[in-house]
C-alpha atoms as a PDB file:
ATOM      1  CA  UNK A   1      96.001  98.363  86.178  1.00  0.00           C
ATOM      2  CA  UNK A   2      95.432 101.001  83.832  1.00  0.00           C
ATOM      3  CA  UNK A   3      92.347 102.258  83.161  1.00  0.00           C
ATOM      4  CA  UNK A   4      91.598 100.917  80.441  1.00  0.00           C
ATOM      5  CA  UNK A   5      89.651 104.409  78.422  1.00  0.00           C
ATOM      6  CA  UNK A   6      92.800 106.493  79.067  1.00  0.00           C
ATOM      7  CA  UNK A   7      94.766 103.742  77.813  1.00  0.00           C
ATOM      8  CA  UNK A   8      92.165 103.372  74.325  1.00  0.00           C
ATOM      9  CA  UNK A   9      92.428 107.165  74.075  1.00  0.00           C
ATOM     10  CA  UNK A  10      96.207 106.837  74.096  1.00  0.00           C
ATOM     11  CA  UNK A  11      96.492 103.903  71.565  1.00  0.00           C
ATOM     12  CA  UNK A  12      94.281 106.452  68.950  1.00  0.00           C
ATOM     13  CA  UNK A  13      97.460 108.144  68.750  1.00  0.00           C
ATOM     14  CA  UNK A  14      99.219 111.705  69.399  1.00  0.00           C
ATOM     15  CA  UNK A  15      96.673 114.318  67.880  1.00  0.00           C
ATOM     16  CA  UNK A  16      93.928 112.734  69.428  1.00  0.00           C
ATOM     17  CA  UNK A  17      95.560 112.535  72.958  1.00  0.00           C
ATOM     18  CA  UNK A  18      96.546 115.984  72.976  1.00  0.00           C
ATOM     19  CA  UNK A  19      93.525 117.340  72.031  1.00  0.00           C
ATOM     20  CA  UNK A  20      91.850 114.809  74.772  1.00  0.00           C
ATOM     21  CA  UNK A  21      94.202 116.250  77.556  1.00  0.00           C
ATOM     22  CA  UNK A  22      93.822 120.315  76.031  1.00  0.00           C
ATOM     23  CA  UNK A  23      90.091 119.594  76.804  1.00  0.00           C
ATOM     24  CA  UNK A  24      90.866 117.636  80.289  1.00  0.00           C
ATOM     25  CA  UNK A  25      93.211 119.684  81.897  1.00  0.00           C
ATOM     26  CA  UNK A  26      92.304 118.379  85.384  1.00  0.00           C
ATOM     27  CA  UNK A  27      92.376 114.570  85.089  1.00  0.00           C
ATOM     28  CA  UNK A  28      95.168 112.846  86.027  1.00  0.00           C
ATOM     29  CA  UNK A  29      95.256 110.187  83.351  1.00  0.00           C
ATOM     30  CA  UNK A  30      96.270 106.728  85.016  1.00  0.00           C
ATOM     31  CA  UNK A  31      98.235 104.250  82.540  1.00  0.00           C
ATOM     32  CA  UNK A  32      99.824 102.388  85.367  1.00  0.00           C
ATOM     33  CA  UNK A  33     101.196  98.697  84.092  1.00  0.00           C
ATOM     34  CA  UNK A  34     100.683  99.455  80.931  1.00  0.00           C
ATOM     35  CA  UNK A  35     101.916  97.636  77.772  1.00  0.00           C
ATOM     36  CA  UNK A  36     103.428 100.294  75.432  1.00  0.00           C
ATOM     37  CA  UNK A  37     105.902  98.752  73.908  1.00  0.00           C
ATOM     38  CA  UNK A  38     107.175 100.109  70.511  1.00  0.00           C
ATOM     39  CA  UNK A  39     104.360 102.881  70.586  1.00  0.00           C
ATOM     40  CA  UNK A  40     104.811 106.043  68.326  1.00  0.00           C
ATOM     41  CA  UNK A  41     104.167 108.924  71.056  1.00  0.00           C
ATOM     42  CA  UNK A  42     106.069 111.364  69.827  1.00  0.00           C
ATOM     43  CA  UNK A  43     105.483 114.825  71.301  1.00  0.00           C
ATOM     44  CA  UNK A  44     102.970 113.089  73.408  1.00  0.00           C
ATOM     45  CA  UNK A  45     101.077 115.094  76.545  1.00  0.00           C
ATOM     46  CA  UNK A  46     102.039 113.130  79.209  1.00  0.00           C
ATOM     47  CA  UNK A  47     102.773 115.120  81.794  1.00  0.00           C
ATOM     48  CA  UNK A  48     101.531 114.074  85.486  1.00  0.00           C
ATOM     49  CA  UNK A  49     100.298 110.544  83.851  1.00  0.00           C
ATOM     50  CA  UNK A  50     100.925 107.805  85.992  1.00  0.00           C
ATOM     51  CA  UNK A  51     102.798 105.241  84.374  1.00  0.00           C
ATOM     52  CA  UNK A  52     103.908 103.383  87.734  1.00  0.00           C
ATOM     53  CA  UNK A  53     105.312  99.599  86.401  1.00  0.00           C
ATOM     54  CA  UNK A  54     104.098 100.550  82.324  1.00  0.00           C
ATOM     55  CA  UNK A  55     106.101  98.596  80.139  1.00  0.00           C
ATOM     56  CA  UNK A  56     107.452 100.600  77.498  1.00  0.00           C
ATOM     57  CA  UNK A  57     110.181  98.472  75.523  1.00  0.00           C
ATOM     58  CA  UNK A  58     111.137 100.140  72.075  1.00  0.00           C
ATOM     59  CA  UNK A  59     108.615 103.314  72.388  1.00  0.00           C
ATOM     60  CA  UNK A  60     109.676 106.292  70.889  1.00  0.00           C
ATOM     61  CA  UNK A  61     108.767 109.713  73.227  1.00  0.00           C
ATOM     62  CA  UNK A  62     110.670 111.592  71.133  1.00  0.00           C
ATOM     63  CA  UNK A  63     109.567 115.579  72.589  1.00  0.00           C
ATOM     64  CA  UNK A  64     107.220 114.323  74.635  1.00  0.00           C
ATOM     65  CA  UNK A  65     106.375 115.875  77.837  1.00  0.00           C
ATOM     66  CA  UNK A  66     106.387 113.626  80.942  1.00  0.00           C
ATOM     67  CA  UNK A  67     106.895 116.445  83.441  1.00  0.00           C
ATOM     68  CA  UNK A  68     105.804 115.032  86.778  1.00  0.00           C
ATOM     69  CA  UNK A  69     105.195 111.657  85.574  1.00  0.00           C
ATOM     70  CA  UNK A  70     105.241 109.021  87.851  1.00  0.00           C
ATOM     71  CA  UNK A  71     107.915 106.400  85.839  1.00  0.00           C
ATOM     72  CA  UNK A  72     108.891 104.852  88.970  1.00  0.00           C
ATOM     73  CA  UNK A  73     110.115 101.063  88.279  1.00  0.00           C
ATOM     74  CA  UNK A  74     108.895 101.894  84.408  1.00  0.00           C
ATOM     75  CA  UNK A  75     110.601  99.485  81.400  1.00  0.00           C
ATOM     76  CA  UNK A  76     112.259 101.869  79.605  1.00  0.00           C
ATOM     77  CA  UNK A  77     114.485  99.629  77.795  1.00  0.00           C
ATOM     78  CA  UNK A  78     115.878 100.954  74.289  1.00  0.00           C
ATOM     79  CA  UNK A  79     113.078 103.766  74.752  1.00  0.00           C
ATOM     80  CA  UNK A  80     113.837 106.808  72.308  1.00  0.00           C
ATOM     81  CA  UNK A  81     113.521 109.862  74.947  1.00  0.00           C
ATOM     82  CA  UNK A  82     115.218 112.801  72.537  1.00  0.00           C
ATOM     83  CA  UNK A  83     114.039 115.992  73.508  1.00  0.00           C
ATOM     84  CA  UNK A  84     111.960 114.580  76.194  1.00  0.00           C
ATOM     85  CA  UNK A  85     110.921 116.631  78.894  1.00  0.00           C
ATOM     86  CA  UNK A  86     111.040 114.889  82.200  1.00  0.00           C
ATOM     87  CA  UNK A  87     111.241 117.655  84.608  1.00  0.00           C
ATOM     88  CA  UNK A  88     110.463 116.536  87.751  1.00  0.00           C
ATOM     89  CA  UNK A  89     109.357 113.259  86.515  1.00  0.00           C
ATOM     90  CA  UNK A  90     109.873 110.597  89.144  1.00  0.00           C
ATOM     91  CA  UNK A  91     112.149 107.411  87.282  1.00  0.00           C
ATOM     92  CA  UNK A  92     112.649 105.541  90.861  1.00  0.00           C
ATOM     93  CA  UNK A  93     113.813 101.753  90.055  1.00  0.00           C
ATOM     94  CA  UNK A  94     112.770 102.620  86.248  1.00  0.00           C
ATOM     95  CA  UNK A  95     115.531 100.435  83.687  1.00  0.00           C
ATOM     96  CA  UNK A  96     116.176 102.744  81.162  1.00  0.00           C
ATOM     97  CA  UNK A  97     119.026 100.493  79.647  1.00  0.00           C
ATOM     98  CA  UNK A  98     120.272 101.112  76.010  1.00  0.00           C
ATOM     99  CA  UNK A  99     117.504 104.436  76.399  1.00  0.00           C
ATOM    100  CA  UNK A 100     117.946 107.673  74.663  1.00  0.00           C
ATOM    101  CA  UNK A 101     118.054 111.334  76.531  1.00  0.00           C
ATOM    102  CA  UNK A 102     119.769 113.136  74.366  1.00  0.00           C
ATOM    103  CA  UNK A 103     118.591 116.695  74.550  1.00  0.00           C
ATOM    104  CA  UNK A 104     116.020 115.770  77.489  1.00  0.00           C
ATOM    105  CA  UNK A 105     115.434 117.811  80.783  1.00  0.00           C
ATOM    106  CA  UNK A 106     115.751 115.856  83.935  1.00  0.00           C
ATOM    107  CA  UNK A 107     116.370 118.377  86.093  1.00  0.00           C
ATOM    108  CA  UNK A 108     115.021 118.022  89.335  1.00  0.00           C
ATOM    109  CA  UNK A 109     113.809 113.769  88.137  1.00  0.00           C
ATOM    110  CA  UNK A 110     114.116 111.204  90.588  1.00  0.00           C
ATOM    111  CA  UNK A 111     115.884 108.485  89.017  1.00  0.00           C
ATOM    112  CA  UNK A 112     117.030 107.363  93.001  1.00  0.00           C
ATOM    113  CA  UNK A 113     118.265 103.478  91.550  1.00  0.00           C
ATOM    114  CA  UNK A 114     117.272 103.574  88.425  1.00  0.00           C
ATOM    115  CA  UNK A 115     119.412 101.176  85.919  1.00  0.00           C
ATOM    116  CA  UNK A 116     121.331 103.394  83.367  1.00  0.00           C
ATOM    117  CA  UNK A 117     123.110 100.633  81.627  1.00  0.00           C
ATOM    118  CA  UNK A 118     124.772 102.145  77.999  1.00  0.00           C
ATOM    119  CA  UNK A 119     121.967 105.499  77.825  1.00  0.00           C
ATOM    120  CA  UNK A 120     122.706 108.509  75.826  1.00  0.00           C
ATOM    121  CA  UNK A 121     123.438 111.524  77.737  1.00  0.00           C
ATOM    122  CA  UNK A 122     124.366 113.711  75.616  1.00  0.00           C
ATOM    123  CA  UNK A 123     123.578 117.412  76.583  1.00  0.00           C
ATOM    124  CA  UNK A 124     120.540 116.480  78.876  1.00  0.00           C
ATOM    125  CA  UNK A 125     120.117 118.446  81.856  1.00  0.00           C
ATOM    126  CA  UNK A 126     120.344 116.512  84.873  1.00  0.00           C
ATOM    127  CA  UNK A 127     120.430 119.467  87.249  1.00  0.00           C
ATOM    128  CA  UNK A 128     119.215 119.242  90.973  1.00  0.00           C
ATOM    129  CA  UNK A 129     117.942 115.675  89.617  1.00  0.00           C
ATOM    130  CA  UNK A 130     118.395 112.298  92.374  1.00  0.00           C
ATOM    131  CA  UNK A 131     120.856 109.896  91.507  1.00  0.00           C
ATOM    132  CA  UNK A 132     121.260 108.323  94.576  1.00  0.00           C
ATOM    133  CA  UNK A 133     121.726 104.455  94.147  1.00  0.00           C
ATOM    134  CA  UNK A 134     122.038 105.025  89.979  1.00  0.00           C
ATOM    135  CA  UNK A 135     123.239 102.064  88.512  1.00  0.00           C
ATOM    136  CA  UNK A 136     124.918 103.765  85.259  1.00  0.00           C
ATOM    137  CA  UNK A 137     127.456 102.711  82.646  1.00  0.00           C
ATOM    138  CA  UNK A 138     126.833 105.682  80.265  1.00  0.00           C
ATOM    139  CA  UNK A 139     127.789 105.633  76.383  1.00  0.00           C
ATOM    140  CA  UNK A 140     127.489 109.087  75.710  1.00  0.00           C
ATOM    141  CA  UNK A 141     127.349 111.877  78.419  1.00  0.00           C
ATOM    142  CA  UNK A 142     129.442 114.702  76.287  1.00  0.00           C
ATOM    143  CA  UNK A 143     127.956 118.177  77.214  1.00  0.00           C
ATOM    144  CA  UNK A 144     125.528 116.630  80.334  1.00  0.00           C
ATOM    145  CA  UNK A 145     124.815 118.547  83.086  1.00  0.00           C
ATOM    146  CA  UNK A 146     124.477 117.958  86.122  1.00  0.00           C
ATOM    147  CA  UNK A 147     124.588 120.721  88.582  1.00  0.00           C
ATOM    148  CA  UNK A 148     123.334 120.059  92.250  1.00  0.00           C
ATOM    149  CA  UNK A 149     122.751 116.509  91.854  1.00  0.00           C
ATOM    150  CA  UNK A 150     122.581 114.260  94.315  1.00  0.00           C
ATOM    151  CA  UNK A 151     124.409 111.494  93.494  1.00  0.00           C
ATOM    152  CA  UNK A 152     125.613 109.484  96.849  1.00  0.00           C
ATOM    153  CA  UNK A 153     126.390 105.381  95.895  1.00  0.00           C
ATOM    154  CA  UNK A 154     126.189 105.812  92.219  1.00  0.00           C
ATOM    155  CA  UNK A 155     127.663 102.558  90.205  1.00  0.00           C
ATOM    156  CA  UNK A 156     128.951 103.043  87.632  1.00  0.00           C
END
């Protein structure tokens, strides 16, 4: 369950959240299972945040920093992650159907078993990502970089 204090801070908006993160760099926010559907989190610093099992349907995470974040089993349907930093993010079993990952950095991310139906990966960086068992039907993947990605058992 999400830390209610962390959730309240995030709901104050990106500017307040990013200020708090800057002032508390050693705290790893816990937003497990948080319901953040349709949240506007453009440019939010969510690096190393625990969002395990959170519900972010339709949220805007444009240019957000989610590097090293735990997004395992998170609902990211219809989420705009364009230009987001998801380097080394944990996305095991995440549902990304209809999401936009255009220009996103997913290098070294763990997407094992994630659902990527109708995802826009145009110009996304998936180098060295774990794509084992991914279920995918990509709408756009032009210029996507998947160098050295592990892709065993990808279902397309």
